[in-house]
Amino acid sequence: MAAPAAGDDLMTREGYDRLRQELLTLMTTERSKVAERLRGARQDGGDPAENGALIDALAEQSLLESRINNVKARLVSARIAPATDDGSAGIGCSVRLRTSTGQIVE
């Protein structure tokens, strides 16, 4: 699957801010946790191919770095949807509709 071109990932300001916060958390807190797990697993010594804790920590590190790259790519390609205040519905808006049976759905 090709990466979206710049501006192809339309999102709300809140969604963009959540992604930025997630990236910050992944790059600081989560990386530190994985690094600590790796240090601990390496201290166990032995054959790395038979060190289950090390194998698990390396797999976790790989998944974390993949997520970081994914979030970075989304932020680079993000386009913030303009807010609407003219009564029209847009991205990030909640609307209520009345069905033909009178039920209200949001």
N, C-alpha and C. Protein backbone atom coordinates (compact mmCIF):
# COMPACT_ATOMS: atom_id res chain seq x y z
N MET A 1 0.85 -1.17 0.00
CA MET A 1 0.00 0.00 0.00
C MET A 1 0.89 1.23 0.00
N ALA A 2 0.62 2.14 -0.90
CA ALA A 2 1.42 3.36 -1.02
C ALA A 2 1.05 4.33 0.08
N ALA A 3 2.03 5.11 0.51
CA ALA A 3 1.79 6.13 1.53
C ALA A 3 0.95 7.24 0.92
N PRO A 4 0.07 7.85 1.70
CA PRO A 4 -0.73 8.93 1.15
C PRO A 4 0.15 10.13 0.82
N ALA A 5 -0.25 10.86 -0.22
CA ALA A 5 0.47 12.08 -0.58
C ALA A 5 0.19 13.15 0.46
N ALA A 6 1.04 14.15 0.52
CA ALA A 6 0.86 15.24 1.49
C ALA A 6 -0.52 15.83 1.36
N GLY A 7 -1.20 15.97 2.47
CA GLY A 7 -2.53 16.55 2.49
C GLY A 7 -3.64 15.57 2.23
N ASP A 8 -3.33 14.28 2.09
CA ASP A 8 -4.35 13.29 1.80
C ASP A 8 -5.04 12.74 3.05
N ASP A 9 -4.51 12.98 4.21
CA ASP A 9 -5.06 12.42 5.44
C ASP A 9 -5.85 13.52 6.16
N LEU A 10 -7.12 13.64 5.85
CA LEU A 10 -7.97 14.69 6.40
C LEU A 10 -8.39 14.31 7.82
N MET A 11 -8.20 15.24 8.75
CA MET A 11 -8.56 14.98 10.14
C MET A 11 -8.92 16.27 10.85
N THR A 12 -9.57 16.11 11.98
CA THR A 12 -9.92 17.28 12.79
C THR A 12 -8.68 17.78 13.52
N ARG A 13 -8.75 18.98 14.03
CA ARG A 13 -7.66 19.54 14.83
C ARG A 13 -7.43 18.66 16.05
N GLU A 14 -8.53 18.19 16.67
CA GLU A 14 -8.41 17.34 17.85
C GLU A 14 -7.72 16.03 17.51
N GLY A 15 -8.07 15.44 16.37
CA GLY A 15 -7.42 14.20 15.94
C GLY A 15 -5.94 14.39 15.69
N TYR A 16 -5.59 15.51 15.07
CA TYR A 16 -4.19 15.83 14.81
C TYR A 16 -3.43 15.99 16.12
N ASP A 17 -4.02 16.72 17.06
CA ASP A 17 -3.38 16.93 18.37
C ASP A 17 -3.22 15.61 19.13
N ARG A 18 -4.22 14.72 19.03
CA ARG A 18 -4.10 13.41 19.69
C ARG A 18 -2.94 12.60 19.09
N LEU A 19 -2.80 12.65 17.76
CA LEU A 19 -1.70 11.94 17.11
C LEU A 19 -0.34 12.51 17.53
N ARG A 20 -0.25 13.82 17.62
CA ARG A 20 1.00 14.45 18.07
C ARG A 20 1.34 14.02 19.50
N GLN A 21 0.33 13.97 20.36
CA GLN A 21 0.56 13.54 21.74
C GLN A 21 0.95 12.07 21.79
N GLU A 22 0.30 11.24 20.97
CA GLU A 22 0.67 9.82 20.91
C GLU A 22 2.12 9.67 20.47
N LEU A 23 2.53 10.43 19.45
CA LEU A 23 3.91 10.35 18.97
C LEU A 23 4.88 10.73 20.08
N LEU A 24 4.58 11.78 20.79
CA LEU A 24 5.45 12.21 21.89
C LEU A 24 5.58 11.11 22.95
N THR A 25 4.44 10.50 23.30
CA THR A 25 4.45 9.42 24.30
C THR A 25 5.23 8.21 23.80
N LEU A 26 5.02 7.85 22.54
CA LEU A 26 5.73 6.70 21.98
C LEU A 26 7.23 6.93 21.96
N MET A 27 7.63 8.15 21.59
CA MET A 27 9.06 8.43 21.44
C MET A 27 9.77 8.66 22.77
N THR A 28 9.04 8.91 23.82
CA THR A 28 9.67 9.15 25.12
C THR A 28 9.38 7.99 26.07
N THR A 29 8.20 7.97 26.62
CA THR A 29 7.83 6.99 27.64
C THR A 29 7.95 5.55 27.13
N GLU A 30 7.32 5.28 25.99
CA GLU A 30 7.30 3.89 25.51
C GLU A 30 8.68 3.42 25.07
N ARG A 31 9.44 4.28 24.42
CA ARG A 31 10.81 3.90 24.04
C ARG A 31 11.65 3.60 25.26
N SER A 32 11.48 4.38 26.31
CA SER A 32 12.25 4.15 27.54
C SER A 32 11.89 2.80 28.15
N LYS A 33 10.60 2.48 28.16
CA LYS A 33 10.17 1.19 28.71
C LYS A 33 10.77 0.03 27.94
N VAL A 34 10.74 0.12 26.61
CA VAL A 34 11.28 -0.96 25.78
C VAL A 34 12.79 -1.05 25.96
N ALA A 35 13.46 0.08 26.04
CA ALA A 35 14.91 0.08 26.25
C ALA A 35 15.27 -0.61 27.58
N GLU A 36 14.47 -0.34 28.60
CA GLU A 36 14.70 -0.97 29.90
C GLU A 36 14.49 -2.48 29.81
N ARG A 37 13.45 -2.90 29.10
CA ARG A 37 13.22 -4.34 28.92
C ARG A 37 14.39 -4.98 28.17
N LEU A 38 14.89 -4.30 27.15
CA LEU A 38 16.03 -4.83 26.39
C LEU A 38 17.27 -4.96 27.27
N ARG A 39 17.54 -3.93 28.07
CA ARG A 39 18.69 -3.99 28.98
C ARG A 39 18.57 -5.18 29.92
N GLY A 40 17.40 -5.34 30.50
CA GLY A 40 17.18 -6.44 31.43
C GLY A 40 17.34 -7.79 30.76
N ALA A 41 16.80 -7.91 29.56
CA ALA A 41 16.88 -9.19 28.85
C ALA A 41 18.32 -9.50 28.44
N ARG A 42 19.08 -8.49 28.07
CA ARG A 42 20.47 -8.71 27.68
C ARG A 42 21.33 -9.09 28.88
N GLN A 43 20.98 -8.58 30.05
CA GLN A 43 21.75 -8.91 31.25
C GLN A 43 21.59 -10.37 31.64
N ASP A 44 20.50 -11.00 31.19
CA ASP A 44 20.30 -12.41 31.49
C ASP A 44 21.37 -13.27 30.83
N GLY A 45 22.00 -12.72 29.78
CA GLY A 45 23.09 -13.43 29.11
C GLY A 45 22.61 -14.66 28.36
N GLY A 46 23.54 -15.55 28.09
CA GLY A 46 23.23 -16.75 27.36
C GLY A 46 23.15 -16.49 25.87
N ASP A 47 22.75 -17.52 25.16
CA ASP A 47 22.62 -17.45 23.71
C ASP A 47 21.43 -16.57 23.36
N PRO A 48 21.66 -15.46 22.62
CA PRO A 48 20.55 -14.58 22.28
C PRO A 48 19.41 -15.29 21.54
N ALA A 49 19.73 -16.31 20.78
CA ALA A 49 18.70 -17.04 20.04
C ALA A 49 17.80 -17.84 20.97
N GLU A 50 18.26 -18.09 22.19
CA GLU A 50 17.47 -18.87 23.14
C GLU A 50 16.95 -18.01 24.29
N ASN A 51 17.16 -16.72 24.22
CA ASN A 51 16.72 -15.80 25.26
C ASN A 51 15.33 -15.27 24.88
N GLY A 52 14.32 -15.92 25.41
CA GLY A 52 12.93 -15.55 25.08
C GLY A 52 12.58 -14.12 25.45
N ALA A 53 13.09 -13.65 26.58
CA ALA A 53 12.81 -12.28 27.00
C ALA A 53 13.41 -11.28 26.02
N LEU A 54 14.61 -11.58 25.52
CA LEU A 54 15.26 -10.70 24.55
C LEU A 54 14.50 -10.71 23.22
N ILE A 55 14.10 -11.88 22.79
CA ILE A 55 13.34 -11.99 21.54
C ILE A 55 12.04 -11.21 21.64
N ASP A 56 11.35 -11.33 22.77
CA ASP A 56 10.10 -10.60 22.97
C ASP A 56 10.34 -9.09 22.99
N ALA A 57 11.39 -8.66 23.67
CA ALA A 57 11.69 -7.22 23.76
C ALA A 57 12.06 -6.66 22.39
N LEU A 58 12.80 -7.42 21.60
CA LEU A 58 13.16 -6.97 20.25
C LEU A 58 11.92 -6.88 19.36
N ALA A 59 11.01 -7.83 19.50
CA ALA A 59 9.76 -7.78 18.73
C ALA A 59 8.92 -6.57 19.14
N GLU A 60 8.88 -6.30 20.45
CA GLU A 60 8.14 -5.14 20.94
C GLU A 60 8.77 -3.85 20.41
N GLN A 61 10.09 -3.80 20.39
CA GLN A 61 10.79 -2.62 19.87
C GLN A 61 10.46 -2.41 18.39
N SER A 62 10.42 -3.48 17.64
CA SER A 62 10.11 -3.40 16.22
C SER A 62 8.68 -2.86 16.00
N LEU A 63 7.73 -3.37 16.77
CA LEU A 63 6.35 -2.88 16.67
C LEU A 63 6.25 -1.41 17.06
N LEU A 64 6.97 -1.02 18.10
CA LEU A 64 6.95 0.36 18.55
C LEU A 64 7.50 1.29 17.47
N GLU A 65 8.64 0.93 16.89
CA GLU A 65 9.23 1.77 15.85
C GLU A 65 8.34 1.83 14.62
N SER A 66 7.67 0.74 14.32
CA SER A 66 6.72 0.74 13.20
C SER A 66 5.57 1.70 13.46
N ARG A 67 5.03 1.68 14.67
CA ARG A 67 3.95 2.60 15.03
C ARG A 67 4.43 4.04 14.98
N ILE A 68 5.62 4.31 15.48
CA ILE A 68 6.17 5.66 15.45
C ILE A 68 6.26 6.15 14.00
N ASN A 69 6.78 5.31 13.12
CA ASN A 69 6.89 5.69 11.71
C ASN A 69 5.53 5.92 11.08
N ASN A 70 4.55 5.10 11.44
CA ASN A 70 3.20 5.25 10.93
C ASN A 70 2.59 6.57 11.37
N VAL A 71 2.73 6.90 12.64
CA VAL A 71 2.17 8.15 13.16
C VAL A 71 2.87 9.35 12.53
N LYS A 72 4.19 9.28 12.38
CA LYS A 72 4.93 10.36 11.73
C LYS A 72 4.42 10.58 10.31
N ALA A 73 4.23 9.50 9.58
CA ALA A 73 3.75 9.60 8.20
C ALA A 73 2.36 10.23 8.15
N ARG A 74 1.49 9.83 9.07
CA ARG A 74 0.14 10.42 9.10
C ARG A 74 0.19 11.91 9.40
N LEU A 75 1.07 12.31 10.32
CA LEU A 75 1.17 13.73 10.66
C LEU A 75 1.71 14.53 9.47
N VAL A 76 2.67 13.97 8.75
CA VAL A 76 3.22 14.66 7.59
C VAL A 76 2.16 14.83 6.50
N SER A 77 1.32 13.82 6.32
CA SER A 77 0.33 13.88 5.25
C SER A 77 -1.00 14.50 5.71
N ALA A 78 -1.05 14.95 6.94
CA ALA A 78 -2.31 15.45 7.50
C ALA A 78 -2.73 16.78 6.89
N ARG A 79 -4.03 16.89 6.76
CA ARG A 79 -4.65 18.15 6.38
C ARG A 79 -5.78 18.35 7.37
N ILE A 80 -5.77 19.48 8.07
CA ILE A 80 -6.77 19.76 9.08
C ILE A 80 -8.05 20.20 8.38
N ALA A 81 -9.15 19.53 8.73
CA ALA A 81 -10.46 19.89 8.16
C ALA A 81 -10.89 21.23 8.74
N PRO A 82 -11.36 22.12 7.89
CA PRO A 82 -11.81 23.42 8.41
C PRO A 82 -13.05 23.24 9.28
N ALA A 83 -13.11 24.02 10.34
CA ALA A 83 -14.28 23.99 11.22
C ALA A 83 -15.45 24.68 10.51
N THR A 84 -16.63 24.17 10.74
CA THR A 84 -17.81 24.80 10.15
C THR A 84 -18.62 25.44 11.26
N ASP A 85 -19.05 26.66 11.02
CA ASP A 85 -19.92 27.32 11.99
C ASP A 85 -21.12 27.94 11.28
N ASP A 86 -21.40 27.42 10.09
CA ASP A 86 -22.52 27.96 9.31
C ASP A 86 -23.74 27.04 9.34
N GLY A 87 -23.73 26.07 10.26
CA GLY A 87 -24.87 25.18 10.37
C GLY A 87 -24.74 23.93 9.51
N SER A 88 -23.69 23.85 8.70
CA SER A 88 -23.52 22.65 7.87
C SER A 88 -22.68 21.63 8.64
N ALA A 89 -22.84 20.37 8.30
CA ALA A 89 -22.10 19.29 8.95
C ALA A 89 -20.78 19.11 8.23
N GLY A 90 -19.74 18.85 9.00
CA GLY A 90 -18.42 18.61 8.45
C GLY A 90 -17.72 17.53 9.24
N ILE A 91 -16.48 17.29 8.90
CA ILE A 91 -15.69 16.28 9.60
C ILE A 91 -15.57 16.66 11.07
N GLY A 92 -15.87 15.71 11.94
CA GLY A 92 -15.77 15.94 13.37
C GLY A 92 -17.06 16.44 14.00
N CYS A 93 -18.08 16.70 13.18
CA CYS A 93 -19.36 17.18 13.70
C CYS A 93 -20.25 16.01 14.10
N SER A 94 -21.06 16.22 15.10
CA SER A 94 -22.09 15.25 15.46
C SER A 94 -23.42 15.83 15.01
N VAL A 95 -24.24 15.00 14.41
CA VAL A 95 -25.56 15.45 13.96
C VAL A 95 -26.61 14.48 14.48
N ARG A 96 -27.81 14.99 14.65
CA ARG A 96 -28.95 14.15 15.05
C ARG A 96 -29.94 14.15 13.92
N LEU A 97 -30.42 12.95 13.63
CA LEU A 97 -31.39 12.77 12.57
C LEU A 97 -32.62 12.07 13.12
N ARG A 98 -33.75 12.41 12.57
CA ARG A 98 -34.99 11.72 12.94
C ARG A 98 -35.34 10.79 11.78
N THR A 99 -35.48 9.50 12.09
CA THR A 99 -35.82 8.52 11.06
C THR A 99 -37.29 8.62 10.71
N SER A 100 -37.68 7.89 9.69
CA SER A 100 -39.09 7.92 9.26
C SER A 100 -40.01 7.36 10.34
N THR A 101 -39.45 6.59 11.29
CA THR A 101 -40.27 6.04 12.39
C THR A 101 -40.27 6.97 13.61
N GLY A 102 -39.57 8.10 13.51
CA GLY A 102 -39.54 9.05 14.61
C GLY A 102 -38.38 8.86 15.57
N GLN A 103 -37.59 7.84 15.35
CA GLN A 103 -36.44 7.58 16.23
C GLN A 103 -35.35 8.59 15.93
N ILE A 104 -34.71 9.11 16.98
CA ILE A 104 -33.60 10.05 16.79
C ILE A 104 -32.29 9.29 16.92
N VAL A 105 -31.45 9.44 15.91
CA VAL A 105 -30.14 8.80 15.91
C VAL A 105 -29.06 9.88 15.81
N GLU A 106 -27.95 9.64 16.44
CA GLU A 106 -26.86 10.59 16.40
C GLU A 106 -25.71 10.03 15.60
